Amino acid sequence: MPERSSSPKPTRARRATRRSTRQLSSTPSGKSGGGPRDRLRRDPFLFLLSLGVLAFVTWAFALTWWVTGSVVPLALALASIVPAFFLFYLRDA
């Protein structure tokens, strides 16, 4: 029968607190995604989708003005440019 050595086996020290594998969100639990400014800044797809929708609306009104010659579609096309500038303001501010 082999003799055991008198030195104890090395044991790992346990940590007092365990680290969570998932990261905690910095937003409060009451808010689901922050304001529109934060969402536009974080999500480039949402920003480009909103900008694309505005570009399509502007193009549609401009094409309608080109075909019909009426002043109302031209005014709507020019008015639909303002929200695009507002989107850039929200994203960059």
PDB file of N, CA and C in Angstrom:
ATOM      1  N   MET A   1       0.829  -1.157   0.000  1.00  0.00           N
ATOM      2  CA  MET A   1       0.000   0.000   0.000  1.00  0.00           C
ATOM      3  C   MET A   1       0.894   1.248   0.000  1.00  0.00           C
ATOM      4  N   PRO A   2       0.715   2.151  -1.010  1.00  0.00           N
ATOM      5  CA  PRO A   2       1.585   3.339  -1.069  1.00  0.00           C
ATOM      6  C   PRO A   2       1.185   4.354  -0.002  1.00  0.00           C
ATOM      7  N   GLU A   3       2.179   5.003   0.491  1.00  0.00           N
ATOM      8  CA  GLU A   3       1.928   6.017   1.520  1.00  0.00           C
ATOM      9  C   GLU A   3       1.553   7.349   0.874  1.00  0.00           C
ATOM     10  N   ARG A   4       0.679   8.021   1.512  1.00  0.00           N
ATOM     11  CA  ARG A   4       0.304   9.341   1.035  1.00  0.00           C
ATOM     12  C   ARG A   4       1.275  10.371   1.595  1.00  0.00           C
ATOM     13  N   SER A   5       1.537  11.373   0.769  1.00  0.00           N
ATOM     14  CA  SER A   5       2.440  12.416   1.256  1.00  0.00           C
ATOM     15  C   SER A   5       1.688  13.289   2.265  1.00  0.00           C
ATOM     16  N   SER A   6       2.437  13.862   3.140  1.00  0.00           N
ATOM     17  CA  SER A   6       1.817  14.655   4.185  1.00  0.00           C
ATOM     18  C   SER A   6       1.418  16.051   3.700  1.00  0.00           C
ATOM     19  N   SER A   7       1.895  16.455   2.507  1.00  0.00           N
ATOM     20  CA  SER A   7       1.525  17.795   2.022  1.00  0.00           C
ATOM     21  C   SER A   7       0.102  17.770   1.470  1.00  0.00           C
ATOM     22  N   PRO A   8      -0.674  18.762   1.809  1.00  0.00           N
ATOM     23  CA  PRO A   8      -2.067  18.784   1.330  1.00  0.00           C
ATOM     24  C   PRO A   8      -2.125  19.123  -0.165  1.00  0.00           C
ATOM     25  N   LYS A   9      -3.177  18.677  -0.794  1.00  0.00           N
ATOM     26  CA  LYS A   9      -3.368  18.973  -2.211  1.00  0.00           C
ATOM     27  C   LYS A   9      -3.696  20.449  -2.383  1.00  0.00           C
ATOM     28  N   PRO A  10      -3.213  21.049  -3.464  1.00  0.00           N
ATOM     29  CA  PRO A  10      -3.563  22.456  -3.682  1.00  0.00           C
ATOM     30  C   PRO A  10      -5.043  22.574  -4.053  1.00  0.00           C
ATOM     31  N   THR A  11      -5.723  23.451  -3.401  1.00  0.00           N
ATOM     32  CA  THR A  11      -7.143  23.660  -3.668  1.00  0.00           C
ATOM     33  C   THR A  11      -7.343  25.061  -4.209  1.00  0.00           C
ATOM     34  N   ARG A  12      -8.363  25.202  -5.018  1.00  0.00           N
ATOM     35  CA  ARG A  12      -8.686  26.525  -5.556  1.00  0.00           C
ATOM     36  C   ARG A  12      -9.491  27.311  -4.540  1.00  0.00           C
ATOM     37  N   ALA A  13      -9.144  28.549  -4.444  1.00  0.00           N
ATOM     38  CA  ALA A  13      -9.917  29.426  -3.554  1.00  0.00           C
ATOM     39  C   ALA A  13     -11.163  29.879  -4.306  1.00  0.00           C
ATOM     40  N   ARG A  14     -12.288  29.780  -3.661  1.00  0.00           N
ATOM     41  CA  ARG A  14     -13.533  30.200  -4.293  1.00  0.00           C
ATOM     42  C   ARG A  14     -13.688  31.703  -4.157  1.00  0.00           C
ATOM     43  N   ARG A  15     -14.236  32.272  -5.199  1.00  0.00           N
ATOM     44  CA  ARG A  15     -14.491  33.707  -5.155  1.00  0.00           C
ATOM     45  C   ARG A  15     -15.741  33.964  -4.323  1.00  0.00           C
ATOM     46  N   ALA A  16     -15.717  35.084  -3.651  1.00  0.00           N
ATOM     47  CA  ALA A  16     -16.848  35.418  -2.786  1.00  0.00           C
ATOM     48  C   ALA A  16     -18.085  35.767  -3.608  1.00  0.00           C
ATOM     49  N   THR A  17     -17.887  36.446  -4.713  1.00  0.00           N
ATOM     50  CA  THR A  17     -19.021  36.806  -5.559  1.00  0.00           C
ATOM     51  C   THR A  17     -18.802  36.238  -6.947  1.00  0.00           C
ATOM     52  N   ARG A  18     -19.868  35.793  -7.543  1.00  0.00           N
ATOM     53  CA  ARG A  18     -19.778  35.263  -8.902  1.00  0.00           C
ATOM     54  C   ARG A  18     -20.122  36.358  -9.887  1.00  0.00           C
ATOM     55  N   ARG A  19     -19.436  36.338 -10.989  1.00  0.00           N
ATOM     56  CA  ARG A  19     -19.712  37.317 -12.027  1.00  0.00           C
ATOM     57  C   ARG A  19     -20.792  36.774 -12.949  1.00  0.00           C
ATOM     58  N   SER A  20     -21.659  37.645 -13.321  1.00  0.00           N
ATOM     59  CA  SER A  20     -22.734  37.259 -14.222  1.00  0.00           C
ATOM     60  C   SER A  20     -22.201  37.231 -15.651  1.00  0.00           C
ATOM     61  N   THR A  21     -22.629  36.270 -16.439  1.00  0.00           N
ATOM     62  CA  THR A  21     -22.149  36.184 -17.813  1.00  0.00           C
ATOM     63  C   THR A  21     -22.842  37.186 -18.718  1.00  0.00           C
ATOM     64  N   ARG A  22     -24.051  37.587 -18.390  1.00  0.00           N
ATOM     65  CA  ARG A  22     -24.731  38.567 -19.229  1.00  0.00           C
ATOM     66  C   ARG A  22     -24.467  39.958 -18.680  1.00  0.00           C
ATOM     67  N   GLN A  23     -24.412  40.923 -19.593  1.00  0.00           N
ATOM     68  CA  GLN A  23     -24.147  42.289 -19.178  1.00  0.00           C
ATOM     69  C   GLN A  23     -25.446  42.948 -18.749  1.00  0.00           C
ATOM     70  N   LEU A  24     -25.341  43.765 -17.756  1.00  0.00           N
ATOM     71  CA  LEU A  24     -26.510  44.488 -17.288  1.00  0.00           C
ATOM     72  C   LEU A  24     -26.713  45.699 -18.176  1.00  0.00           C
ATOM     73  N   SER A  25     -27.956  45.986 -18.513  1.00  0.00           N
ATOM     74  CA  SER A  25     -28.235  47.137 -19.368  1.00  0.00           C
ATOM     75  C   SER A  25     -28.111  48.412 -18.554  1.00  0.00           C
ATOM     76  N   SER A  26     -27.683  49.470 -19.228  1.00  0.00           N
ATOM     77  CA  SER A  26     -27.496  50.729 -18.537  1.00  0.00           C
ATOM     78  C   SER A  26     -28.790  51.527 -18.448  1.00  0.00           C
ATOM     79  N   THR A  27     -29.816  51.114 -19.195  1.00  0.00           N
ATOM     80  CA  THR A  27     -31.080  51.827 -19.145  1.00  0.00           C
ATOM     81  C   THR A  27     -31.916  51.296 -17.991  1.00  0.00           C
ATOM     82  N   PRO A  28     -32.708  52.143 -17.397  1.00  0.00           N
ATOM     83  CA  PRO A  28     -33.578  51.672 -16.317  1.00  0.00           C
ATOM     84  C   PRO A  28     -34.587  50.657 -16.840  1.00  0.00           C
ATOM     85  N   SER A  29     -35.052  49.793 -15.940  1.00  0.00           N
ATOM     86  CA  SER A  29     -35.964  48.733 -16.357  1.00  0.00           C
ATOM     87  C   SER A  29     -37.321  49.277 -16.791  1.00  0.00           C
ATOM     88  N   GLY A  30     -37.659  50.490 -16.409  1.00  0.00           N
ATOM     89  CA  GLY A  30     -38.944  51.062 -16.782  1.00  0.00           C
ATOM     90  C   GLY A  30     -38.993  51.475 -18.244  1.00  0.00           C
ATOM     91  N   LYS A  31     -37.846  51.829 -18.805  1.00  0.00           N
ATOM     92  CA  LYS A  31     -37.816  52.261 -20.197  1.00  0.00           C
ATOM     93  C   LYS A  31     -37.407  51.085 -21.069  1.00  0.00           C
ATOM     94  N   SER A  32     -38.072  50.947 -22.208  1.00  0.00           N
ATOM     95  CA  SER A  32     -37.808  49.783 -23.046  1.00  0.00           C
ATOM     96  C   SER A  32     -36.714  50.023 -24.067  1.00  0.00           C
ATOM     97  N   GLY A  33     -36.367  51.252 -24.399  1.00  0.00           N
ATOM     98  CA  GLY A  33     -35.330  51.441 -25.386  1.00  0.00           C
ATOM     99  C   GLY A  33     -34.809  52.861 -25.447  1.00  0.00           C
ATOM    100  N   GLY A  34     -35.141  53.667 -24.505  1.00  0.00           N
ATOM    101  CA  GLY A  34     -34.689  55.045 -24.531  1.00  0.00           C
ATOM    102  C   GLY A  34     -35.550  55.880 -25.459  1.00  0.00           C
ATOM    103  N   GLY A  35     -35.154  57.103 -25.593  1.00  0.00           N
ATOM    104  CA  GLY A  35     -35.901  58.007 -26.450  1.00  0.00           C
ATOM    105  C   GLY A  35     -35.538  57.795 -27.912  1.00  0.00           C
ATOM    106  N   PRO A  36     -36.227  58.506 -28.790  1.00  0.00           N
ATOM    107  CA  PRO A  36     -35.926  58.346 -30.218  1.00  0.00           C
ATOM    108  C   PRO A  36     -34.519  58.804 -30.558  1.00  0.00           C
ATOM    109  N   ARG A  37     -33.998  59.762 -29.826  1.00  0.00           N
ATOM    110  CA  ARG A  37     -32.632  60.233 -30.093  1.00  0.00           C
ATOM    111  C   ARG A  37     -31.621  59.126 -29.829  1.00  0.00           C
ATOM    112  N   ASP A  38     -31.769  58.419 -28.727  1.00  0.00           N
ATOM    113  CA  ASP A  38     -30.848  57.333 -28.405  1.00  0.00           C
ATOM    114  C   ASP A  38     -30.993  56.177 -29.382  1.00  0.00           C
ATOM    115  N   ARG A  39     -32.225  55.872 -29.753  1.00  0.00           N
ATOM    116  CA  ARG A  39     -32.431  54.756 -30.684  1.00  0.00           C
ATOM    117  C   ARG A  39     -31.877  55.064 -32.061  1.00  0.00           C
ATOM    118  N   LEU A  40     -32.034  56.307 -32.533  1.00  0.00           N
ATOM    119  CA  LEU A  40     -31.478  56.680 -33.833  1.00  0.00           C
ATOM    120  C   LEU A  40     -29.957  56.681 -33.799  1.00  0.00           C
ATOM    121  N   ARG A  41     -29.386  57.026 -32.668  1.00  0.00           N
ATOM    122  CA  ARG A  41     -27.934  57.049 -32.554  1.00  0.00           C
ATOM    123  C   ARG A  41     -27.359  55.639 -32.501  1.00  0.00           C
ATOM    124  N   ARG A  42     -28.058  54.716 -31.828  1.00  0.00           N
ATOM    125  CA  ARG A  42     -27.542  53.353 -31.672  1.00  0.00           C
ATOM    126  C   ARG A  42     -27.828  52.460 -32.859  1.00  0.00           C
ATOM    127  N   ASP A  43     -28.945  52.670 -33.529  1.00  0.00           N
ATOM    128  CA  ASP A  43     -29.383  51.745 -34.557  1.00  0.00           C
ATOM    129  C   ASP A  43     -29.306  52.399 -35.939  1.00  0.00           C
ATOM    130  N   PRO A  44     -28.244  52.111 -36.703  1.00  0.00           N
ATOM    131  CA  PRO A  44     -28.129  52.735 -38.028  1.00  0.00           C
ATOM    132  C   PRO A  44     -29.203  52.249 -39.001  1.00  0.00           C
ATOM    133  N   PHE A  45     -29.704  51.024 -38.822  1.00  0.00           N
ATOM    134  CA  PHE A  45     -30.747  50.521 -39.712  1.00  0.00           C
ATOM    135  C   PHE A  45     -32.033  51.325 -39.548  1.00  0.00           C
ATOM    136  N   LEU A  46     -32.395  51.641 -38.318  1.00  0.00           N
ATOM    137  CA  LEU A  46     -33.594  52.444 -38.068  1.00  0.00           C
ATOM    138  C   LEU A  46     -33.444  53.839 -38.661  1.00  0.00           C
ATOM    139  N   PHE A  47     -32.251  54.419 -38.527  1.00  0.00           N
ATOM    140  CA  PHE A  47     -31.998  55.747 -39.088  1.00  0.00           C
ATOM    141  C   PHE A  47     -32.117  55.716 -40.609  1.00  0.00           C
ATOM    142  N   LEU A  48     -31.488  54.734 -41.247  1.00  0.00           N
ATOM    143  CA  LEU A  48     -31.549  54.651 -42.710  1.00  0.00           C
ATOM    144  C   LEU A  48     -32.955  54.302 -43.200  1.00  0.00           C
ATOM    145  N   LEU A  49     -33.682  53.502 -42.455  1.00  0.00           N
ATOM    146  CA  LEU A  49     -35.052  53.182 -42.825  1.00  0.00           C
ATOM    147  C   LEU A  49     -35.937  54.430 -42.770  1.00  0.00           C
ATOM    148  N   SER A  50     -35.797  55.211 -41.718  1.00  0.00           N
ATOM    149  CA  SER A  50     -36.574  56.449 -41.607  1.00  0.00           C
ATOM    150  C   SER A  50     -36.200  57.430 -42.711  1.00  0.00           C
ATOM    151  N   LEU A  51     -34.915  57.540 -42.992  1.00  0.00           N
ATOM    152  CA  LEU A  51     -34.460  58.439 -44.043  1.00  0.00           C
ATOM    153  C   LEU A  51     -34.923  57.963 -45.414  1.00  0.00           C
ATOM    154  N   GLY A  52     -34.940  56.659 -45.622  1.00  0.00           N
ATOM    155  CA  GLY A  52     -35.426  56.102 -46.887  1.00  0.00           C
ATOM    156  C   GLY A  52     -36.904  56.347 -47.102  1.00  0.00           C
ATOM    157  N   VAL A  53     -37.682  56.224 -46.054  1.00  0.00           N
ATOM    158  CA  VAL A  53     -39.123  56.489 -46.157  1.00  0.00           C
ATOM    159  C   VAL A  53     -39.366  57.949 -46.505  1.00  0.00           C
ATOM    160  N   LEU A  54     -38.644  58.842 -45.857  1.00  0.00           N
ATOM    161  CA  LEU A  54     -38.787  60.263 -46.175  1.00  0.00           C
ATOM    162  C   LEU A  54     -38.336  60.572 -47.605  1.00  0.00           C
ATOM    163  N   ALA A  55     -37.276  59.918 -48.062  1.00  0.00           N
ATOM    164  CA  ALA A  55     -36.809  60.130 -49.432  1.00  0.00           C
ATOM    165  C   ALA A  55     -37.845  59.632 -50.438  1.00  0.00           C
ATOM    166  N   PHE A  56     -38.472  58.501 -50.151  1.00  0.00           N
ATOM    167  CA  PHE A  56     -39.494  57.979 -51.053  1.00  0.00           C
ATOM    168  C   PHE A  56     -40.710  58.907 -51.104  1.00  0.00           C
ATOM    169  N   VAL A  57     -41.133  59.425 -49.966  1.00  0.00           N
ATOM    170  CA  VAL A  57     -42.280  60.338 -49.929  1.00  0.00           C
ATOM    171  C   VAL A  57     -41.958  61.610 -50.707  1.00  0.00           C
ATOM    172  N   THR A  58     -40.750  62.142 -50.517  1.00  0.00           N
ATOM    173  CA  THR A  58     -40.339  63.342 -51.243  1.00  0.00           C
ATOM    174  C   THR A  58     -40.309  63.077 -52.741  1.00  0.00           C
ATOM    175  N   TRP A  59     -39.746  61.939 -53.131  1.00  0.00           N
ATOM    176  CA  TRP A  59     -39.676  61.583 -54.548  1.00  0.00           C
ATOM    177  C   TRP A  59     -41.081  61.424 -55.144  1.00  0.00           C
ATOM    178  N   ALA A  60     -41.990  60.803 -54.405  1.00  0.00           N
ATOM    179  CA  ALA A  60     -43.348  60.586 -54.906  1.00  0.00           C
ATOM    180  C   ALA A  60     -44.072  61.917 -55.120  1.00  0.00           C
ATOM    181  N   PHE A  61     -43.936  62.833 -54.174  1.00  0.00           N
ATOM    182  CA  PHE A  61     -44.576  64.143 -54.345  1.00  0.00           C
ATOM    183  C   PHE A  61     -43.918  64.941 -55.474  1.00  0.00           C
ATOM    184  N   ALA A  62     -42.599  64.840 -55.605  1.00  0.00           N
ATOM    185  CA  ALA A  62     -41.917  65.558 -56.682  1.00  0.00           C
ATOM    186  C   ALA A  62     -42.308  64.997 -58.043  1.00  0.00           C
ATOM    187  N   LEU A  63     -42.453  63.697 -58.145  1.00  0.00           N
ATOM    188  CA  LEU A  63     -42.876  63.084 -59.407  1.00  0.00           C
ATOM    189  C   LEU A  63     -44.314  63.474 -59.732  1.00  0.00           C
ATOM    190  N   THR A  64     -45.152  63.517 -58.723  1.00  0.00           N
ATOM    191  CA  THR A  64     -46.539  63.947 -58.934  1.00  0.00           C
ATOM    192  C   THR A  64     -46.586  65.395 -59.428  1.00  0.00           C
ATOM    193  N   TRP A  65     -45.747  66.236 -58.842  1.00  0.00           N
ATOM    194  CA  TRP A  65     -45.687  67.631 -59.290  1.00  0.00           C
ATOM    195  C   TRP A  65     -45.185  67.712 -60.727  1.00  0.00           C
ATOM    196  N   TRP A  66     -44.195  66.888 -61.067  1.00  0.00           N
ATOM    197  CA  TRP A  66     -43.623  66.898 -62.420  1.00  0.00           C
ATOM    198  C   TRP A  66     -44.672  66.484 -63.456  1.00  0.00           C
ATOM    199  N   VAL A  67     -45.496  65.508 -63.111  1.00  0.00           N
ATOM    200  CA  VAL A  67     -46.489  65.013 -64.065  1.00  0.00           C
ATOM    201  C   VAL A  67     -47.689  65.951 -64.148  1.00  0.00           C
ATOM    202  N   THR A  68     -48.194  66.398 -63.014  1.00  0.00           N
ATOM    203  CA  THR A  68     -49.428  67.185 -63.023  1.00  0.00           C
ATOM    204  C   THR A  68     -49.181  68.684 -63.141  1.00  0.00           C
ATOM    205  N   GLY A  69     -48.079  69.173 -62.621  1.00  0.00           N
ATOM    206  CA  GLY A  69     -47.801  70.597 -62.667  1.00  0.00           C
ATOM    207  C   GLY A  69     -48.512  71.387 -61.595  1.00  0.00           C
ATOM    208  N   SER A  70     -49.152  70.719 -60.683  1.00  0.00           N
ATOM    209  CA  SER A  70     -49.882  71.393 -59.607  1.00  0.00           C
ATOM    210  C   SER A  70     -48.894  71.896 -58.544  1.00  0.00           C
ATOM    211  N   VAL A  71     -49.305  72.908 -57.831  1.00  0.00           N
ATOM    212  CA  VAL A  71     -48.439  73.506 -56.817  1.00  0.00           C
ATOM    213  C   VAL A  71     -48.481  72.720 -55.500  1.00  0.00           C
ATOM    214  N   VAL A  72     -49.567  72.061 -55.223  1.00  0.00           N
ATOM    215  CA  VAL A  72     -49.735  71.352 -53.947  1.00  0.00           C
ATOM    216  C   VAL A  72     -48.711  70.214 -53.786  1.00  0.00           C
ATOM    217  N   PRO A  73     -48.511  69.335 -54.787  1.00  0.00           N
ATOM    218  CA  PRO A  73     -47.475  68.301 -54.593  1.00  0.00           C
ATOM    219  C   PRO A  73     -46.068  68.874 -54.443  1.00  0.00           C
ATOM    220  N   LEU A  74     -45.790  70.004 -55.109  1.00  0.00           N
ATOM    221  CA  LEU A  74     -44.482  70.647 -54.942  1.00  0.00           C
ATOM    222  C   LEU A  74     -44.310  71.147 -53.513  1.00  0.00           C
ATOM    223  N   ALA A  75     -45.339  71.742 -52.968  1.00  0.00           N
ATOM    224  CA  ALA A  75     -45.267  72.215 -51.588  1.00  0.00           C
ATOM    225  C   ALA A  75     -45.101  71.048 -50.605  1.00  0.00           C
ATOM    226  N   LEU A  76     -45.792  69.950 -50.861  1.00  0.00           N
ATOM    227  CA  LEU A  76     -45.651  68.778 -49.989  1.00  0.00           C
ATOM    228  C   LEU A  76     -44.264  68.142 -50.120  1.00  0.00           C
ATOM    229  N   ALA A  77     -43.715  68.138 -51.334  1.00  0.00           N
ATOM    230  CA  ALA A  77     -42.368  67.602 -51.531  1.00  0.00           C
ATOM    231  C   ALA A  77     -41.341  68.439 -50.781  1.00  0.00           C
ATOM    232  N   LEU A  78     -41.475  69.753 -50.857  1.00  0.00           N
ATOM    233  CA  LEU A  78     -40.543  70.621 -50.136  1.00  0.00           C
ATOM    234  C   LEU A  78     -40.745  70.526 -48.626  1.00  0.00           C
ATOM    235  N   ALA A  79     -41.980  70.351 -48.204  1.00  0.00           N
ATOM    236  CA  ALA A  79     -42.252  70.221 -46.766  1.00  0.00           C
ATOM    237  C   ALA A  79     -41.752  68.886 -46.215  1.00  0.00           C
ATOM    238  N   SER A  80     -41.685  67.856 -47.058  1.00  0.00           N
ATOM    239  CA  SER A  80     -41.221  66.553 -46.573  1.00  0.00           C
ATOM    240  C   SER A  80     -39.700  66.487 -46.445  1.00  0.00           C
ATOM    241  N   ILE A  81     -38.992  67.526 -46.854  1.00  0.00           N
ATOM    242  CA  ILE A  81     -37.535  67.569 -46.667  1.00  0.00           C
ATOM    243  C   ILE A  81     -37.187  67.961 -45.234  1.00  0.00           C
ATOM    244  N   VAL A  82     -38.029  68.742 -44.604  1.00  0.00           N
ATOM    245  CA  VAL A  82     -37.763  69.238 -43.244  1.00  0.00           C
ATOM    246  C   VAL A  82     -37.588  68.099 -42.231  1.00  0.00           C
ATOM    247  N   PRO A  83     -38.424  67.043 -42.244  1.00  0.00           N
ATOM    248  CA  PRO A  83     -38.189  65.953 -41.275  1.00  0.00           C
ATOM    249  C   PRO A  83     -36.857  65.234 -41.478  1.00  0.00           C
ATOM    250  N   ALA A  84     -36.332  65.223 -42.692  1.00  0.00           N
ATOM    251  CA  ALA A  84     -35.021  64.599 -42.916  1.00  0.00           C
ATOM    252  C   ALA A  84     -33.924  65.377 -42.186  1.00  0.00           C
ATOM    253  N   PHE A  85     -33.987  66.694 -42.262  1.00  0.00           N
ATOM    254  CA  PHE A  85     -33.020  67.495 -41.508  1.00  0.00           C
ATOM    255  C   PHE A  85     -33.195  67.295 -40.007  1.00  0.00           C
ATOM    256  N   PHE A  86     -34.433  67.134 -39.573  1.00  0.00           N
ATOM    257  CA  PHE A  86     -34.699  66.887 -38.157  1.00  0.00           C
ATOM    258  C   PHE A  86     -34.117  65.537 -37.714  1.00  0.00           C
ATOM    259  N   LEU A  87     -34.166  64.522 -38.586  1.00  0.00           N
ATOM    260  CA  LEU A  87     -33.554  63.229 -38.255  1.00  0.00           C
ATOM    261  C   LEU A  87     -32.049  63.364 -38.055  1.00  0.00           C
ATOM    262  N   PHE A  88     -31.397  64.123 -38.930  1.00  0.00           N
ATOM    263  CA  PHE A  88     -29.960  64.334 -38.761  1.00  0.00           C
ATOM    264  C   PHE A  88     -29.662  65.114 -37.489  1.00  0.00           C
ATOM    265  N   TYR A  89     -30.535  66.066 -37.152  1.00  0.00           N
ATOM    266  CA  TYR A  89     -30.361  66.808 -35.919  1.00  0.00           C
ATOM    267  C   TYR A  89     -30.488  65.882 -34.706  1.00  0.00           C
ATOM    268  N   LEU A  90     -31.479  65.001 -34.704  1.00  0.00           N
ATOM    269  CA  LEU A  90     -31.655  64.086 -33.585  1.00  0.00           C
ATOM    270  C   LEU A  90     -30.489  63.121 -33.457  1.00  0.00           C
ATOM    271  N   ARG A  91     -29.954  62.672 -34.559  1.00  0.00           N
ATOM    272  CA  ARG A  91     -28.874  61.691 -34.517  1.00  0.00           C
ATOM    273  C   ARG A  91     -27.555  62.314 -34.058  1.00  0.00           C
ATOM    274  N   ASP A  92     -27.260  63.528 -34.519  1.00  0.00           N
ATOM    275  CA  ASP A  92     -25.964  64.131 -34.236  1.00  0.00           C
ATOM    276  C   ASP A  92     -25.922  64.947 -32.954  1.00  0.00           C
ATOM    277  N   ALA A  93     -27.051  65.369 -32.459  1.00  0.00           N
ATOM    278  CA  ALA A  93     -27.052  66.261 -31.289  1.00  0.00           C
ATOM    279  C   ALA A  93     -26.689  65.530 -30.029  1.00  0.00           C
TER     280      ALA A  93
END
